[in-house]
PDB file of N, CA and C in Angstrom:
ATOM      1  N   MET A   1      63.311  62.021 103.376  1.00  0.00           N
ATOM      2  CA  MET A   1      63.972  63.284 103.014  1.00  0.00           C
ATOM      3  C   MET A   1      62.783  64.139 102.435  1.00  0.00           C
ATOM      4  N   GLY A   2      62.551  65.248 102.962  1.00  0.00           N
ATOM      5  CA  GLY A   2      61.642  66.159 102.476  1.00  0.00           C
ATOM      6  C   GLY A   2      62.212  67.378 101.792  1.00  0.00           C
ATOM      7  N   LEU A   3      61.308  68.053 101.089  1.00  0.00           N
ATOM      8  CA  LEU A   3      61.758  69.164 100.304  1.00  0.00           C
ATOM      9  C   LEU A   3      62.276  70.261 101.322  1.00  0.00           C
ATOM     10  N   SER A   4      63.399  70.964 100.874  1.00  0.00           N
ATOM     11  CA  SER A   4      64.006  71.923 101.883  1.00  0.00           C
ATOM     12  C   SER A   4      63.141  73.119 101.710  1.00  0.00           C
ATOM     13  N   ASP A   5      63.041  73.827 102.954  1.00  0.00           N
ATOM     14  CA  ASP A   5      62.241  75.113 102.915  1.00  0.00           C
ATOM     15  C   ASP A   5      63.202  76.274 102.740  1.00  0.00           C
ATOM     16  N   ILE A   6      62.800  77.282 102.140  1.00  0.00           N
ATOM     17  CA  ILE A   6      63.609  78.541 101.963  1.00  0.00           C
ATOM     18  C   ILE A   6      64.058  79.050 103.229  1.00  0.00           C
ATOM     19  N   ASN A   7      63.183  78.943 104.244  1.00  0.00           N
ATOM     20  CA  ASN A   7      63.481  79.448 105.549  1.00  0.00           C
ATOM     21  C   ASN A   7      64.803  78.876 106.223  1.00  0.00           C
ATOM     22  N   ASP A   8      65.087  77.638 105.828  1.00  0.00           N
ATOM     23  CA  ASP A   8      66.299  76.983 106.389  1.00  0.00           C
ATOM     24  C   ASP A   8      67.526  77.517 105.767  1.00  0.00           C
ATOM     25  N   ILE A   9      67.336  77.947 104.568  1.00  0.00           N
ATOM     26  CA  ILE A   9      68.554  78.489 103.859  1.00  0.00           C
ATOM     27  C   ILE A   9      68.670  80.027 104.572  1.00  0.00           C
ATOM     28  N   ASN A  10      67.536  80.686 104.659  1.00  0.00           N
ATOM     29  CA  ASN A  10      67.773  81.937 105.140  1.00  0.00           C
ATOM     30  C   ASN A  10      68.769  82.149 106.434  1.00  0.00           C
ATOM     31  N   HIS A  11      68.804  81.326 107.169  1.00  0.00           N
ATOM     32  CA  HIS A  11      69.435  81.318 108.485  1.00  0.00           C
ATOM     33  C   HIS A  11      70.858  80.908 108.303  1.00  0.00           C
ATOM     34  N   LYS A  12      71.426  80.536 107.205  1.00  0.00           N
ATOM     35  CA  LYS A  12      72.553  79.886 107.245  1.00  0.00           C
ATOM     36  C   LYS A  12      73.745  81.151 106.672  1.00  0.00           C
ATOM     37  N   SER A  13      74.746  81.033 107.011  1.00  0.00           N
ATOM     38  CA  SER A  13      75.996  82.026 106.604  1.00  0.00           C
ATOM     39  C   SER A  13      76.181  81.683 105.190  1.00  0.00           C
ATOM     40  N   ILE A  14      77.055  82.692 104.625  1.00  0.00           N
ATOM     41  CA  ILE A  14      77.501  82.465 103.141  1.00  0.00           C
ATOM     42  C   ILE A  14      78.359  81.296 103.068  1.00  0.00           C
ATOM     43  N   GLN A  15      79.199  81.013 103.971  1.00  0.00           N
ATOM     44  CA  GLN A  15      80.101  79.892 104.042  1.00  0.00           C
ATOM     45  C   GLN A  15      79.359  78.581 104.113  1.00  0.00           C
ATOM     46  N   GLU A  16      78.463  78.589 104.896  1.00  0.00           N
ATOM     47  CA  GLU A  16      77.518  77.392 105.059  1.00  0.00           C
ATOM     48  C   GLU A  16      76.736  76.987 103.713  1.00  0.00           C
ATOM     49  N   ILE A  17      76.345  78.064 103.054  1.00  0.00           N
ATOM     50  CA  ILE A  17      75.655  77.867 101.713  1.00  0.00           C
ATOM     51  C   ILE A  17      76.470  77.347 100.721  1.00  0.00           C
ATOM     52  N   LYS A  18      77.755  77.936 100.629  1.00  0.00           N
ATOM     53  CA  LYS A  18      78.751  77.462  99.815  1.00  0.00           C
ATOM     54  C   LYS A  18      79.203  75.953  99.894  1.00  0.00           C
ATOM     55  N   GLU A  19      79.172  75.555 101.183  1.00  0.00           N
ATOM     56  CA  GLU A  19      79.390  74.256 101.392  1.00  0.00           C
ATOM     57  C   GLU A  19      78.290  73.256 101.102  1.00  0.00           C
ATOM     58  N   GLU A  20      77.028  73.807 101.352  1.00  0.00           N
ATOM     59  CA  GLU A  20      75.829  73.106 101.162  1.00  0.00           C
ATOM     60  C   GLU A  20      75.723  72.898  99.536  1.00  0.00           C
ATOM     61  N   ILE A  21      76.252  73.922  98.728  1.00  0.00           N
ATOM     62  CA  ILE A  21      76.119  73.680  97.320  1.00  0.00           C
ATOM     63  C   ILE A  21      77.034  72.684  96.842  1.00  0.00           C
ATOM     64  N   ILE A  22      78.305  72.635  97.575  1.00  0.00           N
ATOM     65  CA  ILE A  22      79.333  71.514  97.062  1.00  0.00           C
ATOM     66  C   ILE A  22      78.770  70.139  97.414  1.00  0.00           C
ATOM     67  N   ILE A  23      78.240  70.079  98.482  1.00  0.00           N
ATOM     68  CA  ILE A  23      77.693  68.709  98.916  1.00  0.00           C
ATOM     69  C   ILE A  23      76.476  68.479  98.162  1.00  0.00           C
ATOM     70  N   THR A  24      75.587  69.340  97.664  1.00  0.00           N
ATOM     71  CA  THR A  24      74.470  68.980  96.764  1.00  0.00           C
ATOM     72  C   THR A  24      75.017  68.584  95.512  1.00  0.00           C
ATOM     73  N   LYS A  25      75.959  69.236  94.966  1.00  0.00           N
ATOM     74  CA  LYS A  25      76.537  68.865  93.612  1.00  0.00           C
ATOM     75  C   LYS A  25      77.057  67.510  93.717  1.00  0.00           C
ATOM     76  N   ARG A  26      77.726  67.327  94.670  1.00  0.00           N
ATOM     77  CA  ARG A  26      78.434  65.894  94.872  1.00  0.00           C
ATOM     78  C   ARG A  26      77.170  64.827  94.823  1.00  0.00           C
ATOM     79  N   GLU A  27      76.052  65.177  95.596  1.00  0.00           N
ATOM     80  CA  GLU A  27      75.083  64.147  95.715  1.00  0.00           C
ATOM     81  C   GLU A  27      74.502  63.976  94.370  1.00  0.00           C
ATOM     82  N   LEU A  28      74.283  64.977  93.526  1.00  0.00           N
ATOM     83  CA  LEU A  28      73.745  64.887  92.177  1.00  0.00           C
ATOM     84  C   LEU A  28      74.682  64.034  91.224  1.00  0.00           C
ATOM     85  N   LEU A  29      75.939  64.210  91.408  1.00  0.00           N
ATOM     86  CA  LEU A  29      76.852  63.545  90.749  1.00  0.00           C
ATOM     87  C   LEU A  29      76.933  62.085  91.027  1.00  0.00           C
ATOM     88  N   ASN A  30      76.909  61.766  92.286  1.00  0.00           N
ATOM     89  CA  ASN A  30      76.637  60.333  92.747  1.00  0.00           C
ATOM     90  C   ASN A  30      75.436  59.697  92.106  1.00  0.00           C
ATOM     91  N   LEU A  31      74.276  60.477  92.029  1.00  0.00           N
ATOM     92  CA  LEU A  31      72.995  59.806  91.615  1.00  0.00           C
ATOM     93  C   LEU A  31      73.280  59.609  90.098  1.00  0.00           C
ATOM     94  N   ASN A  32      73.957  60.499  89.418  1.00  0.00           N
ATOM     95  CA  ASN A  32      74.120  60.317  87.920  1.00  0.00           C
ATOM     96  C   ASN A  32      75.054  58.923  87.680  1.00  0.00           C
ATOM     97  N   ILE A  33      76.164  58.830  88.539  1.00  0.00           N
ATOM     98  CA  ILE A  33      77.070  57.814  88.327  1.00  0.00           C
ATOM     99  C   ILE A  33      76.260  56.419  88.634  1.00  0.00           C
ATOM    100  N   ARG A  34      75.371  56.418  89.746  1.00  0.00           N
ATOM    101  CA  ARG A  34      74.601  55.229  90.031  1.00  0.00           C
ATOM    102  C   ARG A  34      73.669  54.970  88.939  1.00  0.00           C
ATOM    103  N   GLN A  35      73.026  55.819  88.328  1.00  0.00           N
ATOM    104  CA  GLN A  35      72.108  55.726  87.269  1.00  0.00           C
ATOM    105  C   GLN A  35      72.888  55.038  86.033  1.00  0.00           C
ATOM    106  N   ARG A  36      74.054  55.566  85.625  1.00  0.00           N
ATOM    107  CA  ARG A  36      74.752  55.198  84.459  1.00  0.00           C
ATOM    108  C   ARG A  36      75.375  53.851  84.647  1.00  0.00           C
ATOM    109  N   THR A  37      75.480  53.444  85.846  1.00  0.00           N
ATOM    110  CA  THR A  37      76.104  52.174  86.145  1.00  0.00           C
ATOM    111  C   THR A  37      75.038  50.839  86.329  1.00  0.00           C
ATOM    112  N   GLN A  38      73.841  51.506  86.172  1.00  0.00           N
ATOM    113  CA  GLN A  38      72.408  50.767  86.299  1.00  0.00           C
ATOM    114  C   GLN A  38      72.314  50.219  87.703  1.00  0.00           C
ATOM    115  N   GLN A  39      72.751  50.864  88.834  1.00  0.00           N
ATOM    116  CA  GLN A  39      72.436  50.545  90.221  1.00  0.00           C
ATOM    117  C   GLN A  39      71.051  51.123  90.327  1.00  0.00           C
ATOM    118  N   GLU A  40      70.458  50.422  91.387  1.00  0.00           N
ATOM    119  CA  GLU A  40      69.098  50.732  91.734  1.00  0.00           C
ATOM    120  C   GLU A  40      69.103  52.221  92.369  1.00  0.00           C
ATOM    121  N   ILE A  41      68.121  53.023  91.884  1.00  0.00           N
ATOM    122  CA  ILE A  41      68.073  54.468  92.592  1.00  0.00           C
ATOM    123  C   ILE A  41      66.605  54.714  92.548  1.00  0.00           C
ATOM    124  N   LYS A  42      66.441  55.836  93.279  1.00  0.00           N
ATOM    125  CA  LYS A  42      65.008  56.414  93.219  1.00  0.00           C
ATOM    126  C   LYS A  42      64.939  57.651  92.435  1.00  0.00           C
ATOM    127  N   PRO A  43      64.243  57.550  91.335  1.00  0.00           N
ATOM    128  CA  PRO A  43      64.292  58.612  90.306  1.00  0.00           C
ATOM    129  C   PRO A  43      63.923  59.963  90.974  1.00  0.00           C
ATOM    130  N   HIS A  44      62.905  59.971  91.930  1.00  0.00           N
ATOM    131  CA  HIS A  44      62.628  61.246  92.552  1.00  0.00           C
ATOM    132  C   HIS A  44      63.552  62.100  93.229  1.00  0.00           C
ATOM    133  N   LEU A  45      64.659  61.325  93.569  1.00  0.00           N
ATOM    134  CA  LEU A  45      65.941  61.980  94.147  1.00  0.00           C
ATOM    135  C   LEU A  45      66.513  62.970  93.237  1.00  0.00           C
ATOM    136  N   PHE A  46      66.492  62.730  92.025  1.00  0.00           N
ATOM    137  CA  PHE A  46      66.962  63.784  90.992  1.00  0.00           C
ATOM    138  C   PHE A  46      66.349  65.013  91.235  1.00  0.00           C
ATOM    139  N   LYS A  47      64.884  64.989  91.173  1.00  0.00           N
ATOM    140  CA  LYS A  47      64.101  66.198  91.205  1.00  0.00           C
ATOM    141  C   LYS A  47      64.389  66.926  92.446  1.00  0.00           C
ATOM    142  N   TYR A  48      64.464  66.379  93.710  1.00  0.00           N
ATOM    143  CA  TYR A  48      64.720  67.025  94.846  1.00  0.00           C
ATOM    144  C   TYR A  48      66.191  67.564  95.018  1.00  0.00           C
ATOM    145  N   THR A  49      67.011  66.834  94.445  1.00  0.00           N
ATOM    146  CA  THR A  49      68.532  67.313  94.557  1.00  0.00           C
ATOM    147  C   THR A  49      68.617  68.594  93.695  1.00  0.00           C
ATOM    148  N   LYS A  50      67.969  68.616  92.416  1.00  0.00           N
ATOM    149  CA  LYS A  50      68.192  69.657  91.515  1.00  0.00           C
ATOM    150  C   LYS A  50      67.479  70.820  92.009  1.00  0.00           C
ATOM    151  N   ARG A  51      66.291  70.612  92.549  1.00  0.00           N
ATOM    152  CA  ARG A  51      65.482  71.794  93.220  1.00  0.00           C
ATOM    153  C   ARG A  51      66.334  72.378  94.357  1.00  0.00           C
ATOM    154  N   LYS A  52      66.883  71.621  95.194  1.00  0.00           N
ATOM    155  CA  LYS A  52      67.701  72.065  96.434  1.00  0.00           C
ATOM    156  C   LYS A  52      68.855  72.884  95.863  1.00  0.00           C
ATOM    157  N   LEU A  53      69.543  72.330  94.761  1.00  0.00           N
ATOM    158  CA  LEU A  53      70.727  73.134  94.163  1.00  0.00           C
ATOM    159  C   LEU A  53      70.265  74.435  93.714  1.00  0.00           C
ATOM    160  N   ALA A  54      69.253  74.280  92.880  1.00  0.00           N
ATOM    161  CA  ALA A  54      68.707  75.783  92.428  1.00  0.00           C
ATOM    162  C   ALA A  54      68.412  76.646  93.261  1.00  0.00           C
ATOM    163  N   GLN A  55      67.650  76.154  94.470  1.00  0.00           N
ATOM    164  CA  GLN A  55      67.499  77.320  95.579  1.00  0.00           C
ATOM    165  C   GLN A  55      68.601  77.737  96.180  1.00  0.00           C
ATOM    166  N   LEU A  56      69.646  76.881  96.357  1.00  0.00           N
ATOM    167  CA  LEU A  56      70.860  77.361  97.046  1.00  0.00           C
ATOM    168  C   LEU A  56      71.704  78.373  96.135  1.00  0.00           C
ATOM    169  N   LEU A  57      71.728  77.993  94.667  1.00  0.00           N
ATOM    170  CA  LEU A  57      72.412  78.823  93.875  1.00  0.00           C
ATOM    171  C   LEU A  57      71.760  80.220  93.770  1.00  0.00           C
ATOM    172  N   THR A  58      70.424  80.172  93.941  1.00  0.00           N
ATOM    173  CA  THR A  58      69.578  81.500  93.609  1.00  0.00           C
ATOM    174  C   THR A  58      69.724  82.380  94.911  1.00  0.00           C
ATOM    175  N   PHE A  59      69.792  81.658  95.938  1.00  0.00           N
ATOM    176  CA  PHE A  59      69.999  82.572  97.347  1.00  0.00           C
ATOM    177  C   PHE A  59      71.433  83.110  97.283  1.00  0.00           C
ATOM    178  N   GLU A  60      72.476  82.200  96.934  1.00  0.00           N
ATOM    179  CA  GLU A  60      73.803  82.799  96.873  1.00  0.00           C
ATOM    180  C   GLU A  60      73.859  83.942  95.863  1.00  0.00           C
ATOM    181  N   THR A  61      73.136  83.886  94.724  1.00  0.00           N
ATOM    182  CA  THR A  61      73.212  84.996  93.808  1.00  0.00           C
ATOM    183  C   THR A  61      72.614  86.196  94.467  1.00  0.00           C
ATOM    184  N   GLN A  62      71.426  86.096  95.119  1.00  0.00           N
ATOM    185  CA  GLN A  62      70.881  87.120  95.718  1.00  0.00           C
ATOM    186  C   GLN A  62      71.768  87.823  96.713  1.00  0.00           C
ATOM    187  N   ILE A  63      72.369  87.048  97.587  1.00  0.00           N
ATOM    188  CA  ILE A  63      73.302  87.869  98.624  1.00  0.00           C
ATOM    189  C   ILE A  63      74.329  88.508  97.831  1.00  0.00           C
ATOM    190  N   ASN A  64      75.093  87.810  96.715  1.00  0.00           N
ATOM    191  CA  ASN A  64      76.022  88.590  96.038  1.00  0.00           C
ATOM    192  C   ASN A  64      75.661  89.981  95.579  1.00  0.00           C
ATOM    193  N   LYS A  65      74.432  89.890  94.998  1.00  0.00           N
ATOM    194  CA  LYS A  65      73.806  91.117  94.496  1.00  0.00           C
ATOM    195  C   LYS A  65      73.632  92.244  95.454  1.00  0.00           C
ATOM    196  N   LEU A  66      73.122  91.810  96.748  1.00  0.00           N
ATOM    197  CA  LEU A  66      72.957  92.754  97.795  1.00  0.00           C
ATOM    198  C   LEU A  66      74.427  93.412  98.283  1.00  0.00           C
ATOM    199  N   LYS A  67      75.393  92.687  98.202  1.00  0.00           N
ATOM    200  CA  LYS A  67      76.767  93.150  98.534  1.00  0.00           C
ATOM    201  C   LYS A  67      77.231  94.162  97.661  1.00  0.00           C
ATOM    202  N   GLU A  68      76.848  94.085  96.460  1.00  0.00           N
ATOM    203  CA  GLU A  68      77.464  95.037  95.395  1.00  0.00           C
ATOM    204  C   GLU A  68      76.733  96.477  95.582  1.00  0.00           C
TER     205      GLU A  68
END
């Protein structure tokens, strides 16, 4: 799992971005649940998932501002 590239996000449609946001939020929730139940996790996945979510949300906001 590598860090996502902003160019990958640029080539997606708005619907694909929204679906990716939902998937990423679900991944972050699953990581939190696994951490709270003391299951073995890789802590760096929190950083990667949060960063990916922030990029997607920022890109979605930029698209919405351009439409206005």
